[in-house]
C-alpha cells in the first residue's frame, strides 16, 4: 500500500515492523511499516489483511500471494482480452467472480510527485 493511500484513508502502521522487499525491477524497498488487520471490501466480501506501507510505489495497493492464498483466487483470461478473478471468502464460504478493467493512473499521489508529472 502506498503511503499516500495510507494517509488518505487514515490507516495507521507500525514502523517497528519492517521487511526489505524486492521489487519486480530488482530494487529493494524498505517499507515504512506494517498496517495490521485492514478491512478490504471486494464485491461485498470483507477480507482482513496486513499491508506493508511503502513511500512511493508504482501502485496504490498491490494484492499479492498472501491475498491469492487467503482467497484461493483464480484468474481467467479470455481470447477477447477480458479477464476475471474469482475469489472465495473462507469465513462465509461465498465465492464471487469479478471482471477486471484496464489499468488507470495512480489515484493517490503526494503533491511533490504530481508536480513531476505536470512539468
PDB file of N, CA and C in Angstrom:
ATOM      1  N   UNK A   1       0.863  -1.171   0.000  1.00  0.00           N
ATOM      2  CA  UNK A   1       0.000   0.000   0.000  1.00  0.00           C
ATOM      3  C   UNK A   1       0.907   1.231   0.000  1.00  0.00           C
ATOM      4  N   UNK A   2       0.528   2.206  -0.807  1.00  0.00           N
ATOM      5  CA  UNK A   2       1.327   3.422  -0.841  1.00  0.00           C
ATOM      6  C   UNK A   2       1.105   4.242   0.423  1.00  0.00           C
ATOM      7  N   UNK A   3       2.101   5.031   0.761  1.00  0.00           N
ATOM      8  CA  UNK A   3       1.992   5.932   1.902  1.00  0.00           C
ATOM      9  C   UNK A   3       0.838   6.911   1.690  1.00  0.00           C
ATOM     10  N   UNK A   4       0.662   7.376   0.443  1.00  0.00           N
ATOM     11  CA  UNK A   4      -0.407   8.325   0.140  1.00  0.00           C
ATOM     12  C   UNK A   4      -1.784   7.716   0.415  1.00  0.00           C
ATOM     13  N   UNK A   5      -1.997   6.463   0.055  1.00  0.00           N
ATOM     14  CA  UNK A   5      -3.273   5.792   0.329  1.00  0.00           C
ATOM     15  C   UNK A   5      -3.456   5.636   1.835  1.00  0.00           C
ATOM     16  N   UNK A   6      -2.410   5.228   2.519  1.00  0.00           N
ATOM     17  CA  UNK A   6      -2.480   5.071   3.971  1.00  0.00           C
ATOM     18  C   UNK A   6      -2.904   6.376   4.634  1.00  0.00           C
ATOM     19  N   UNK A   7      -2.300   7.483   4.222  1.00  0.00           N
ATOM     20  CA  UNK A   7      -2.649   8.778   4.811  1.00  0.00           C
ATOM     21  C   UNK A   7      -4.054   9.209   4.420  1.00  0.00           C
ATOM     22  N   UNK A   8      -4.412   9.010   3.153  1.00  0.00           N
ATOM     23  CA  UNK A   8      -5.740   9.398   2.672  1.00  0.00           C
ATOM     24  C   UNK A   8      -6.849   8.668   3.433  1.00  0.00           C
ATOM     25  N   UNK A   9      -6.641   7.392   3.710  1.00  0.00           N
ATOM     26  CA  UNK A   9      -7.659   6.582   4.386  1.00  0.00           C
ATOM     27  C   UNK A   9      -7.516   6.595   5.910  1.00  0.00           C
ATOM     28  N   UNK A  10      -6.471   7.244   6.410  1.00  0.00           N
ATOM     29  CA  UNK A  10      -6.265   7.293   7.856  1.00  0.00           C
ATOM     30  C   UNK A  10      -5.851   5.962   8.443  1.00  0.00           C
ATOM     31  N   UNK A  11      -5.094   5.180   7.689  1.00  0.00           N
ATOM     32  CA  UNK A  11      -4.654   3.862   8.147  1.00  0.00           C
ATOM     33  C   UNK A  11      -3.302   4.008   8.843  1.00  0.00           C
ATOM     34  N   UNK A  12      -3.256   3.599  10.086  1.00  0.00           N
ATOM     35  CA  UNK A  12      -2.001   3.674  10.837  1.00  0.00           C
ATOM     36  C   UNK A  12      -1.160   2.434  10.559  1.00  0.00           C
ATOM     37  N   UNK A  13       0.138   2.566  10.815  1.00  0.00           N
ATOM     38  CA  UNK A  13       1.036   1.430  10.608  1.00  0.00           C
ATOM     39  C   UNK A  13       2.118   1.432  11.680  1.00  0.00           C
ATOM     40  N   UNK A  14       2.652   0.255  11.925  1.00  0.00           N
ATOM     41  CA  UNK A  14       3.685   0.067  12.940  1.00  0.00           C
ATOM     42  C   UNK A  14       5.050   0.207  12.278  1.00  0.00           C
ATOM     43  N   UNK A  15       5.805   1.280  12.592  1.00  0.00           N
ATOM     44  CA  UNK A  15       7.113   1.482  11.962  1.00  0.00           C
ATOM     45  C   UNK A  15       8.183   0.520  12.466  1.00  0.00           C
ATOM     46  N   UNK A  16       7.871  -0.266  13.494  1.00  0.00           N
ATOM     47  CA  UNK A  16       8.842  -1.221  14.033  1.00  0.00           C
ATOM     48  C   UNK A  16       8.842  -2.547  13.282  1.00  0.00           C
ATOM     49  N   UNK A  17       7.862  -2.756  12.409  1.00  0.00           N
ATOM     50  CA  UNK A  17       7.801  -3.997  11.622  1.00  0.00           C
ATOM     51  C   UNK A  17       8.171  -3.642  10.191  1.00  0.00           C
ATOM     52  N   UNK A  18       9.409  -3.948   9.825  1.00  0.00           N
ATOM     53  CA  UNK A  18       9.917  -3.567   8.508  1.00  0.00           C
ATOM     54  C   UNK A  18      10.642  -4.755   7.878  1.00  0.00           C
ATOM     55  N   UNK A  19      10.214  -5.138   6.689  1.00  0.00           N
ATOM     56  CA  UNK A  19      10.878  -6.183   5.909  1.00  0.00           C
ATOM     57  C   UNK A  19      11.427  -5.542   4.648  1.00  0.00           C
ATOM     58  N   UNK A  20      12.603  -5.933   4.219  1.00  0.00           N
ATOM     59  CA  UNK A  20      13.103  -5.425   2.954  1.00  0.00           C
ATOM     60  C   UNK A  20      12.429  -6.211   1.843  1.00  0.00           C
ATOM     61  N   UNK A  21      11.833  -5.481   0.892  1.00  0.00           N
ATOM     62  CA  UNK A  21      11.044  -6.126  -0.157  1.00  0.00           C
ATOM     63  C   UNK A  21      11.720  -5.929  -1.505  1.00  0.00           C
ATOM     64  N   UNK A  22      11.814  -7.008  -2.265  1.00  0.00           N
ATOM     65  CA  UNK A  22      12.413  -6.976  -3.594  1.00  0.00           C
ATOM     66  C   UNK A  22      11.337  -6.672  -4.624  1.00  0.00           C
ATOM     67  N   UNK A  23      11.501  -5.577  -5.362  1.00  0.00           N
ATOM     68  CA  UNK A  23      10.533  -5.189  -6.394  1.00  0.00           C
ATOM     69  C   UNK A  23      10.785  -5.982  -7.667  1.00  0.00           C
ATOM     70  N   UNK A  24       9.809  -5.938  -8.567  1.00  0.00           N
ATOM     71  CA  UNK A  24       9.928  -6.650  -9.839  1.00  0.00           C
ATOM     72  C   UNK A  24      11.115  -6.144 -10.652  1.00  0.00           C
ATOM     73  N   UNK A  25      11.491  -4.869 -10.474  1.00  0.00           N
ATOM     74  CA  UNK A  25      12.617  -4.312 -11.231  1.00  0.00           C
ATOM     75  C   UNK A  25      13.971  -4.594 -10.566  1.00  0.00           C
ATOM     76  N   UNK A  26      13.958  -5.344  -9.474  1.00  0.00           N
ATOM     77  CA  UNK A  26      15.194  -5.721  -8.805  1.00  0.00           C
ATOM     78  C   UNK A  26      15.602  -4.776  -7.689  1.00  0.00           C
ATOM     79  N   UNK A  27      14.920  -3.661  -7.533  1.00  0.00           N
ATOM     80  CA  UNK A  27      15.237  -2.713  -6.468  1.00  0.00           C
ATOM     81  C   UNK A  27      14.724  -3.251  -5.132  1.00  0.00           C
ATOM     82  N   UNK A  28      15.415  -2.889  -4.064  1.00  0.00           N
ATOM     83  CA  UNK A  28      14.992  -3.285  -2.724  1.00  0.00           C
ATOM     84  C   UNK A  28      14.327  -2.077  -2.063  1.00  0.00           C
ATOM     85  N   UNK A  29      13.062  -2.253  -1.662  1.00  0.00           N
ATOM     86  CA  UNK A  29      12.312  -1.196  -0.999  1.00  0.00           C
ATOM     87  C   UNK A  29      12.278  -1.472   0.499  1.00  0.00           C
ATOM     88  N   UNK A  30      12.414  -0.414   1.279  1.00  0.00           N
ATOM     89  CA  UNK A  30      12.280  -0.530   2.728  1.00  0.00           C
ATOM     90  C   UNK A  30      10.945   0.095   3.108  1.00  0.00           C
ATOM     91  N   UNK A  31       9.959  -0.727   3.461  1.00  0.00           N
ATOM     92  CA  UNK A  31       8.648  -0.197   3.835  1.00  0.00           C
ATOM     93  C   UNK A  31       8.746   0.726   5.047  1.00  0.00           C
ATOM     94  N   UNK A  32       7.739   1.568   5.193  1.00  0.00           N
ATOM     95  CA  UNK A  32       7.666   2.475   6.336  1.00  0.00           C
ATOM     96  C   UNK A  32       7.149   1.755   7.576  1.00  0.00           C
ATOM     97  N   UNK A  33       6.430   0.655   7.355  1.00  0.00           N
ATOM     98  CA  UNK A  33       5.888  -0.106   8.462  1.00  0.00           C
ATOM     99  C   UNK A  33       4.783  -1.029   7.998  1.00  0.00           C
ATOM    100  N   UNK A  34       4.144  -1.686   8.960  1.00  0.00           N
ATOM    101  CA  UNK A  34       3.099  -2.663   8.667  1.00  0.00           C
ATOM    102  C   UNK A  34       1.762  -2.186   9.222  1.00  0.00           C
ATOM    103  N   UNK A  35       0.752  -2.128   8.357  1.00  0.00           N
ATOM    104  CA  UNK A  35      -0.617  -1.833   8.775  1.00  0.00           C
ATOM    105  C   UNK A  35      -1.300  -3.170   9.006  1.00  0.00           C
ATOM    106  N   UNK A  36      -1.907  -3.312  10.163  1.00  0.00           N
ATOM    107  CA  UNK A  36      -2.490  -4.608  10.536  1.00  0.00           C
ATOM    108  C   UNK A  36      -4.017  -4.605  10.434  1.00  0.00           C
ATOM    109  N   UNK A  37      -4.542  -5.756  10.026  1.00  0.00           N
ATOM    110  CA  UNK A  37      -5.991  -6.019  10.027  1.00  0.00           C
ATOM    111  C   UNK A  37      -6.794  -4.936   9.316  1.00  0.00           C
ATOM    112  N   UNK A  38      -6.391  -4.622   8.102  1.00  0.00           N
ATOM    113  CA  UNK A  38      -7.073  -3.632   7.279  1.00  0.00           C
ATOM    114  C   UNK A  38      -8.244  -4.332   6.582  1.00  0.00           C
ATOM    115  N   UNK A  39      -9.470  -3.813   6.730  1.00  0.00           N
ATOM    116  CA  UNK A  39     -10.594  -4.442   6.026  1.00  0.00           C
ATOM    117  C   UNK A  39     -10.606  -4.030   4.546  1.00  0.00           C
ATOM    118  N   UNK A  40     -10.525  -5.003   3.668  1.00  0.00           N
ATOM    119  CA  UNK A  40     -10.628  -4.786   2.231  1.00  0.00           C
ATOM    120  C   UNK A  40     -11.985  -5.318   1.793  1.00  0.00           C
ATOM    121  N   UNK A  41     -12.832  -4.446   1.254  1.00  0.00           N
ATOM    122  CA  UNK A  41     -14.146  -4.853   0.787  1.00  0.00           C
ATOM    123  C   UNK A  41     -14.072  -5.054  -0.722  1.00  0.00           C
ATOM    124  N   UNK A  42     -14.254  -6.290  -1.140  1.00  0.00           N
ATOM    125  CA  UNK A  42     -14.183  -6.646  -2.552  1.00  0.00           C
ATOM    126  C   UNK A  42     -15.466  -7.382  -2.916  1.00  0.00           C
ATOM    127  N   UNK A  43     -16.284  -6.755  -3.762  1.00  0.00           N
ATOM    128  CA  UNK A  43     -17.545  -7.366  -4.219  1.00  0.00           C
ATOM    129  C   UNK A  43     -18.398  -7.848  -3.051  1.00  0.00           C
ATOM    130  N   UNK A  44     -18.552  -7.003  -2.048  1.00  0.00           N
ATOM    131  CA  UNK A  44     -19.350  -7.292  -0.859  1.00  0.00           C
ATOM    132  C   UNK A  44     -18.788  -8.412   0.012  1.00  0.00           C
ATOM    133  N   UNK A  45     -17.529  -8.736  -0.166  1.00  0.00           N
ATOM    134  CA  UNK A  45     -16.829  -9.659   0.730  1.00  0.00           C
ATOM    135  C   UNK A  45     -15.774  -8.832   1.455  1.00  0.00           C
ATOM    136  N   UNK A  46     -15.600  -9.047   2.745  1.00  0.00           N
ATOM    137  CA  UNK A  46     -14.599  -8.306   3.512  1.00  0.00           C
ATOM    138  C   UNK A  46     -13.484  -9.249   3.932  1.00  0.00           C
ATOM    139  N   UNK A  47     -12.262  -8.868   3.568  1.00  0.00           N
ATOM    140  CA  UNK A  47     -11.073  -9.631   3.928  1.00  0.00           C
ATOM    141  C   UNK A  47     -10.205  -8.741   4.815  1.00  0.00           C
ATOM    142  N   UNK A  48      -9.749  -9.271   5.938  1.00  0.00           N
ATOM    143  CA  UNK A  48      -8.858  -8.514   6.820  1.00  0.00           C
ATOM    144  C   UNK A  48      -7.431  -8.945   6.521  1.00  0.00           C
ATOM    145  N   UNK A  49      -6.640  -7.979   6.065  1.00  0.00           N
ATOM    146  CA  UNK A  49      -5.285  -8.306   5.636  1.00  0.00           C
ATOM    147  C   UNK A  49      -4.275  -7.338   6.239  1.00  0.00           C
ATOM    148  N   UNK A  50      -3.028  -7.731   6.167  1.00  0.00           N
ATOM    149  CA  UNK A  50      -1.923  -6.892   6.595  1.00  0.00           C
ATOM    150  C   UNK A  50      -1.373  -6.205   5.337  1.00  0.00           C
ATOM    151  N   UNK A  51      -0.847  -5.001   5.491  1.00  0.00           N
ATOM    152  CA  UNK A  51      -0.304  -4.286   4.330  1.00  0.00           C
ATOM    153  C   UNK A  51       0.990  -3.589   4.720  1.00  0.00           C
ATOM    154  N   UNK A  52       2.003  -3.782   3.916  1.00  0.00           N
ATOM    155  CA  UNK A  52       3.248  -3.038   4.097  1.00  0.00           C
ATOM    156  C   UNK A  52       3.052  -1.670   3.445  1.00  0.00           C
ATOM    157  N   UNK A  53       3.403  -0.619   4.158  1.00  0.00           N
ATOM    158  CA  UNK A  53       3.250   0.743   3.648  1.00  0.00           C
ATOM    159  C   UNK A  53       4.579   1.178   3.045  1.00  0.00           C
ATOM    160  N   UNK A  54       4.522   1.600   1.766  1.00  0.00           N
ATOM    161  CA  UNK A  54       5.720   1.954   1.005  1.00  0.00           C
ATOM    162  C   UNK A  54       5.639   3.420   0.581  1.00  0.00           C
ATOM    163  N   UNK A  55       6.753   4.126   0.647  1.00  0.00           N
ATOM    164  CA  UNK A  55       6.768   5.565   0.386  1.00  0.00           C
ATOM    165  C   UNK A  55       6.193   5.941  -0.973  1.00  0.00           C
ATOM    166  N   UNK A  56       6.733   5.488  -2.068  1.00  0.00           N
ATOM    167  CA  UNK A  56       6.262   5.917  -3.396  1.00  0.00           C
ATOM    168  C   UNK A  56       6.306   4.772  -4.402  1.00  0.00           C
ATOM    169  N   UNK A  57       5.465   3.761  -4.220  1.00  0.00           N
ATOM    170  CA  UNK A  57       5.485   2.648  -5.174  1.00  0.00           C
ATOM    171  C   UNK A  57       4.783   3.029  -6.475  1.00  0.00           C
ATOM    172  N   UNK A  58       4.854   2.161  -7.453  1.00  0.00           N
ATOM    173  CA  UNK A  58       4.220   2.391  -8.757  1.00  0.00           C
ATOM    174  C   UNK A  58       2.753   1.959  -8.736  1.00  0.00           C
ATOM    175  N   UNK A  59       2.199   1.746  -7.567  1.00  0.00           N
ATOM    176  CA  UNK A  59       0.824   1.283  -7.430  1.00  0.00           C
ATOM    177  C   UNK A  59       0.214   1.943  -6.195  1.00  0.00           C
ATOM    178  N   UNK A  60      -1.116   1.917  -6.099  1.00  0.00           N
ATOM    179  CA  UNK A  60      -1.797   2.374  -4.884  1.00  0.00           C
ATOM    180  C   UNK A  60      -1.810   1.239  -3.855  1.00  0.00           C
ATOM    181  N   UNK A  61      -2.361   0.097  -4.263  1.00  0.00           N
ATOM    182  CA  UNK A  61      -2.393  -1.102  -3.419  1.00  0.00           C
ATOM    183  C   UNK A  61      -2.090  -2.291  -4.314  1.00  0.00           C
ATOM    184  N   UNK A  62      -1.192  -3.136  -3.872  1.00  0.00           N
ATOM    185  CA  UNK A  62      -0.826  -4.317  -4.638  1.00  0.00           C
ATOM    186  C   UNK A  62      -1.204  -5.549  -3.826  1.00  0.00           C
ATOM    187  N   UNK A  63      -2.113  -6.342  -4.370  1.00  0.00           N
ATOM    188  CA  UNK A  63      -2.505  -7.590  -3.718  1.00  0.00           C
ATOM    189  C   UNK A  63      -1.634  -8.699  -4.285  1.00  0.00           C
ATOM    190  N   UNK A  64      -0.950  -9.411  -3.426  1.00  0.00           N
ATOM    191  CA  UNK A  64      -0.013 -10.427  -3.892  1.00  0.00           C
ATOM    192  C   UNK A  64      -0.369 -11.817  -3.423  1.00  0.00           C
ATOM    193  N   UNK A  65       0.653 -12.626  -3.264  1.00  0.00           N
ATOM    194  CA  UNK A  65       0.474 -14.040  -2.936  1.00  0.00           C
ATOM    195  C   UNK A  65      -0.340 -14.282  -1.663  1.00  0.00           C
ATOM    196  N   UNK A  66      -0.127 -13.530  -0.587  1.00  0.00           N
ATOM    197  CA  UNK A  66      -0.965 -13.787   0.602  1.00  0.00           C
ATOM    198  C   UNK A  66      -2.468 -13.631   0.306  1.00  0.00           C
ATOM    199  N   UNK A  67      -2.832 -12.636  -0.513  1.00  0.00           N
ATOM    200  CA  UNK A  67      -4.229 -12.471  -0.912  1.00  0.00           C
ATOM    201  C   UNK A  67      -4.691 -13.671  -1.736  1.00  0.00           C
ATOM    202  N   UNK A  68      -3.855 -14.102  -2.686  1.00  0.00           N
ATOM    203  CA  UNK A  68      -4.204 -15.252  -3.529  1.00  0.00           C
ATOM    204  C   UNK A  68      -4.422 -16.512  -2.692  1.00  0.00           C
ATOM    205  N   UNK A  69      -3.568 -16.720  -1.697  1.00  0.00           N
ATOM    206  CA  UNK A  69      -3.688 -17.902  -0.844  1.00  0.00           C
ATOM    207  C   UNK A  69      -4.942 -17.809   0.022  1.00  0.00           C
ATOM    208  N   UNK A  70      -5.161 -16.652   0.663  1.00  0.00           N
ATOM    209  CA  UNK A  70      -6.330 -16.471   1.530  1.00  0.00           C
ATOM    210  C   UNK A  70      -7.631 -16.682   0.768  1.00  0.00           C
ATOM    211  N   UNK A  71      -7.722 -16.125  -0.437  1.00  0.00           N
ATOM    212  CA  UNK A  71      -8.981 -16.162  -1.198  1.00  0.00           C
ATOM    213  C   UNK A  71      -9.062 -17.317  -2.184  1.00  0.00           C
ATOM    214  N   UNK A  72      -7.995 -18.097  -2.294  1.00  0.00           N
ATOM    215  CA  UNK A  72      -7.934 -19.178  -3.281  1.00  0.00           C
ATOM    216  C   UNK A  72      -8.301 -18.626  -4.664  1.00  0.00           C
ATOM    217  N   UNK A  73      -7.717 -17.482  -4.989  1.00  0.00           N
ATOM    218  CA  UNK A  73      -8.098 -16.773  -6.214  1.00  0.00           C
ATOM    219  C   UNK A  73      -7.759 -17.568  -7.483  1.00  0.00           C
ATOM    220  N   UNK A  74      -8.612 -17.374  -8.481  1.00  0.00           N
ATOM    221  CA  UNK A  74      -8.421 -17.987  -9.795  1.00  0.00           C
ATOM    222  C   UNK A  74      -8.582 -16.882 -10.836  1.00  0.00           C
ATOM    223  N   UNK A  75      -7.559 -16.705 -11.664  1.00  0.00           N
ATOM    224  CA  UNK A  75      -7.606 -15.702 -12.732  1.00  0.00           C
ATOM    225  C   UNK A  75      -7.892 -16.418 -14.044  1.00  0.00           C
ATOM    226  N   UNK A  76      -8.883 -15.890 -14.779  1.00  0.00           N
ATOM    227  CA  UNK A  76      -9.217 -16.463 -16.093  1.00  0.00           C
ATOM    228  C   UNK A  76      -9.011 -15.391 -17.154  1.00  0.00           C
ATOM    229  N   UNK A  77      -8.259 -15.745 -18.189  1.00  0.00           N
ATOM    230  CA  UNK A  77      -8.008 -14.849 -19.318  1.00  0.00           C
ATOM    231  C   UNK A  77      -8.741 -15.384 -20.543  1.00  0.00           C
ATOM    232  N   UNK A  78      -9.339 -14.477 -21.303  1.00  0.00           N
ATOM    233  CA  UNK A  78     -10.125 -14.870 -22.467  1.00  0.00           C
ATOM    234  C   UNK A  78      -9.522 -14.308 -23.739  1.00  0.00           C
ATOM    235  N   UNK A  79      -9.804 -14.943 -24.872  1.00  0.00           N
ATOM    236  CA  UNK A  79      -9.201 -14.550 -26.154  1.00  0.00           C
ATOM    237  C   UNK A  79      -9.580 -13.140 -26.595  1.00  0.00           C
ATOM    238  N   UNK A  80     -10.672 -12.596 -26.084  1.00  0.00           N
ATOM    239  CA  UNK A  80     -11.060 -11.222 -26.446  1.00  0.00           C
ATOM    240  C   UNK A  80     -10.406 -10.184 -25.530  1.00  0.00           C
ATOM    241  N   UNK A  81      -9.433 -10.606 -24.707  1.00  0.00           N
ATOM    242  CA  UNK A  81      -8.672  -9.764 -23.777  1.00  0.00           C
ATOM    243  C   UNK A  81      -9.406  -9.490 -22.469  1.00  0.00           C
ATOM    244  N   UNK A  82     -10.615 -10.045 -22.277  1.00  0.00           N
ATOM    245  CA  UNK A  82     -11.290  -9.924 -20.991  1.00  0.00           C
ATOM    246  C   UNK A  82     -10.561 -10.787 -19.965  1.00  0.00           C
ATOM    247  N   UNK A  83     -10.767 -10.434 -18.705  1.00  0.00           N
ATOM    248  CA  UNK A  83     -10.168 -11.196 -17.617  1.00  0.00           C
ATOM    249  C   UNK A  83     -11.107 -11.136 -16.422  1.00  0.00           C
ATOM    250  N   UNK A  84     -11.217 -12.240 -15.695  1.00  0.00           N
ATOM    251  CA  UNK A  84     -11.989 -12.262 -14.457  1.00  0.00           C
ATOM    252  C   UNK A  84     -11.123 -12.849 -13.348  1.00  0.00           C
ATOM    253  N   UNK A  85     -11.469 -12.472 -12.118  1.00  0.00           N
ATOM    254  CA  UNK A  85     -10.817 -13.041 -10.943  1.00  0.00           C
ATOM    255  C   UNK A  85     -11.919 -13.596 -10.052  1.00  0.00           C
ATOM    256  N   UNK A  86     -11.793 -14.856  -9.693  1.00  0.00           N
ATOM    257  CA  UNK A  86     -12.745 -15.488  -8.790  1.00  0.00           C
ATOM    258  C   UNK A  86     -12.078 -15.607  -7.425  1.00  0.00           C
ATOM    259  N   UNK A  87     -12.765 -15.103  -6.383  1.00  0.00           N
ATOM    260  CA  UNK A  87     -12.236 -15.171  -5.025  1.00  0.00           C
ATOM    261  C   UNK A  87     -13.237 -15.873  -4.122  1.00  0.00           C
ATOM    262  N   UNK A  88     -12.698 -16.515  -3.104  1.00  0.00           N
ATOM    263  CA  UNK A  88     -13.502 -17.286  -2.152  1.00  0.00           C
ATOM    264  C   UNK A  88     -13.255 -16.712  -0.761  1.00  0.00           C
ATOM    265  N   UNK A  89     -14.320 -16.451  -0.005  1.00  0.00           N
ATOM    266  CA  UNK A  89     -14.207 -15.982   1.373  1.00  0.00           C
ATOM    267  C   UNK A  89     -14.238 -17.200   2.285  1.00  0.00           C
ATOM    268  N   UNK A  90     -13.126 -17.511   2.956  1.00  0.00           N
ATOM    269  CA  UNK A  90     -13.101 -18.714   3.795  1.00  0.00           C
ATOM    270  C   UNK A  90     -14.006 -18.625   5.020  1.00  0.00           C
ATOM    271  N   UNK A  91     -14.382 -17.404   5.424  1.00  0.00           N
ATOM    272  CA  UNK A  91     -15.242 -17.252   6.607  1.00  0.00           C
ATOM    273  C   UNK A  91     -16.711 -17.475   6.284  1.00  0.00           C
ATOM    274  N   UNK A  92     -17.181 -16.891   5.192  1.00  0.00           N
ATOM    275  CA  UNK A  92     -18.599 -17.023   4.822  1.00  0.00           C
ATOM    276  C   UNK A  92     -18.837 -18.133   3.809  1.00  0.00           C
ATOM    277  N   UNK A  93     -17.756 -18.623   3.207  1.00  0.00           N
ATOM    278  CA  UNK A  93     -17.801 -19.655   2.162  1.00  0.00           C
ATOM    279  C   UNK A  93     -18.461 -19.158   0.877  1.00  0.00           C
ATOM    280  N   UNK A  94     -18.572 -17.819   0.735  1.00  0.00           N
ATOM    281  CA  UNK A  94     -19.108 -17.243  -0.505  1.00  0.00           C
ATOM    282  C   UNK A  94     -17.999 -17.127  -1.527  1.00  0.00           C
ATOM    283  N   UNK A  95     -18.362 -17.281  -2.790  1.00  0.00           N
ATOM    284  CA  UNK A  95     -17.427 -17.135  -3.896  1.00  0.00           C
ATOM    285  C   UNK A  95     -18.019 -16.138  -4.882  1.00  0.00           C
ATOM    286  N   UNK A  96     -17.196 -15.225  -5.382  1.00  0.00           N
ATOM    287  CA  UNK A  96     -17.643 -14.252  -6.370  1.00  0.00           C
ATOM    288  C   UNK A  96     -16.613 -14.173  -7.495  1.00  0.00           C
ATOM    289  N   UNK A  97     -17.111 -13.851  -8.676  1.00  0.00           N
ATOM    290  CA  UNK A  97     -16.243 -13.624  -9.829  1.00  0.00           C
ATOM    291  C   UNK A  97     -16.348 -12.149 -10.199  1.00  0.00           C
ATOM    292  N   UNK A  98     -15.193 -11.520 -10.361  1.00  0.00           N
ATOM    293  CA  UNK A  98     -15.107 -10.079 -10.581  1.00  0.00           C
ATOM    294  C   UNK A  98     -14.442  -9.826 -11.934  1.00  0.00           C
ATOM    295  N   UNK A  99     -15.061  -9.033 -12.803  1.00  0.00           N
ATOM    296  CA  UNK A  99     -14.375  -8.665 -14.047  1.00  0.00           C
ATOM    297  C   UNK A  99     -13.296  -7.628 -13.741  1.00  0.00           C
ATOM    298  N   UNK A 100     -12.205  -7.672 -14.465  1.00  0.00           N
ATOM    299  CA  UNK A 100     -11.145  -6.679 -14.282  1.00  0.00           C
ATOM    300  C   UNK A 100     -11.332  -5.549 -15.289  1.00  0.00           C
ATOM    301  N   UNK A 101     -10.595  -4.482 -15.087  1.00  0.00           N
ATOM    302  CA  UNK A 101     -10.626  -3.362 -16.026  1.00  0.00           C
ATOM    303  C   UNK A 101      -9.200  -2.932 -16.332  1.00  0.00           C
ATOM    304  N   UNK A 102      -9.043  -2.155 -17.376  1.00  0.00           N
ATOM    305  CA  UNK A 102      -7.712  -1.699 -17.776  1.00  0.00           C
ATOM    306  C   UNK A 102      -7.093  -0.862 -16.661  1.00  0.00           C
ATOM    307  N   UNK A 103      -5.779  -0.916 -16.553  1.00  0.00           N
ATOM    308  CA  UNK A 103      -5.056  -0.154 -15.542  1.00  0.00           C
ATOM    309  C   UNK A 103      -5.231   1.337 -15.771  1.00  0.00           C
ATOM    310  N   UNK A 104      -5.473   2.050 -14.684  1.00  0.00           N
ATOM    311  CA  UNK A 104      -5.589   3.507 -14.730  1.00  0.00           C
ATOM    312  C   UNK A 104      -4.381   4.117 -14.042  1.00  0.00           C
ATOM    313  N   UNK A 105      -4.242   5.415 -14.154  1.00  0.00           N
ATOM    314  CA  UNK A 105      -3.135   6.078 -13.470  1.00  0.00           C
ATOM    315  C   UNK A 105      -3.380   6.023 -11.961  1.00  0.00           C
ATOM    316  N   UNK A 106      -2.335   6.251 -11.201  1.00  0.00           N
ATOM    317  CA  UNK A 106      -2.451   6.246  -9.751  1.00  0.00           C
ATOM    318  C   UNK A 106      -3.406   7.333  -9.303  1.00  0.00           C
ATOM    319  N   UNK A 107      -4.276   6.999  -8.378  1.00  0.00           N
ATOM    320  CA  UNK A 107      -5.227   7.989  -7.875  1.00  0.00           C
ATOM    321  C   UNK A 107      -4.670   8.753  -6.694  1.00  0.00           C
ATOM    322  N   UNK A 108      -3.762   8.154  -5.946  1.00  0.00           N
ATOM    323  CA  UNK A 108      -3.246   8.769  -4.730  1.00  0.00           C
ATOM    324  C   UNK A 108      -1.757   9.024  -4.886  1.00  0.00           C
ATOM    325  N   UNK A 109      -1.408  10.289  -4.994  1.00  0.00           N
ATOM    326  CA  UNK A 109      -0.012  10.669  -5.086  1.00  0.00           C
ATOM    327  C   UNK A 109       0.218  11.877  -4.204  1.00  0.00           C
ATOM    328  N   UNK A 110       1.430  11.989  -3.697  1.00  0.00           N
ATOM    329  CA  UNK A 110       1.775  13.166  -2.919  1.00  0.00           C
ATOM    330  C   UNK A 110       1.921  14.354  -3.855  1.00  0.00           C
ATOM    331  N   UNK A 111       1.764  15.541  -3.342  1.00  0.00           N
ATOM    332  CA  UNK A 111       1.841  16.756  -4.143  1.00  0.00           C
ATOM    333  C   UNK A 111       3.177  16.871  -4.881  1.00  0.00           C
ATOM    334  N   UNK A 112       4.288  16.493  -4.190  1.00  0.00           N
ATOM    335  CA  UNK A 112       5.604  16.580  -4.844  1.00  0.00           C
ATOM    336  C   UNK A 112       5.679  15.668  -6.059  1.00  0.00           C
ATOM    337  N   UNK A 113       5.044  14.482  -5.971  1.00  0.00           N
ATOM    338  CA  UNK A 113       5.084  13.514  -7.065  1.00  0.00           C
ATOM    339  C   UNK A 113       4.252  13.991  -8.248  1.00  0.00           C
ATOM    340  N   UNK A 114       3.096  14.606  -8.000  1.00  0.00           N
ATOM    341  CA  UNK A 114       2.256  15.061  -9.098  1.00  0.00           C
ATOM    342  C   UNK A 114       2.889  16.235  -9.806  1.00  0.00           C
ATOM    343  N   UNK A 115       3.699  17.022  -9.110  1.00  0.00           N
ATOM    344  CA  UNK A 115       4.373  18.172  -9.737  1.00  0.00           C
ATOM    345  C   UNK A 115       5.337  17.687 -10.825  1.00  0.00           C
ATOM    346  N   UNK A 116       5.951  16.544 -10.603  1.00  0.00           N
ATOM    347  CA  UNK A 116       6.885  15.991 -11.597  1.00  0.00           C
ATOM    348  C   UNK A 116       6.150  15.685 -12.894  1.00  0.00           C
ATOM    349  N   UNK A 117       4.939  15.178 -12.801  1.00  0.00           N
ATOM    350  CA  UNK A 117       4.184  14.805 -13.990  1.00  0.00           C
ATOM    351  C   UNK A 117       3.624  16.017 -14.728  1.00  0.00           C
ATOM    352  N   UNK A 118       3.490  17.142 -14.042  1.00  0.00           N
ATOM    353  CA  UNK A 118       2.940  18.350 -14.676  1.00  0.00           C
ATOM    354  C   UNK A 118       3.964  19.078 -15.532  1.00  0.00           C
ATOM    355  N   UNK A 119       5.235  18.882 -15.232  1.00  0.00           N
ATOM    356  CA  UNK A 119       6.285  19.610 -15.955  1.00  0.00           C
ATOM    357  C   UNK A 119       6.475  19.108 -17.368  1.00  0.00           C
TER     358      UNK A 119
END
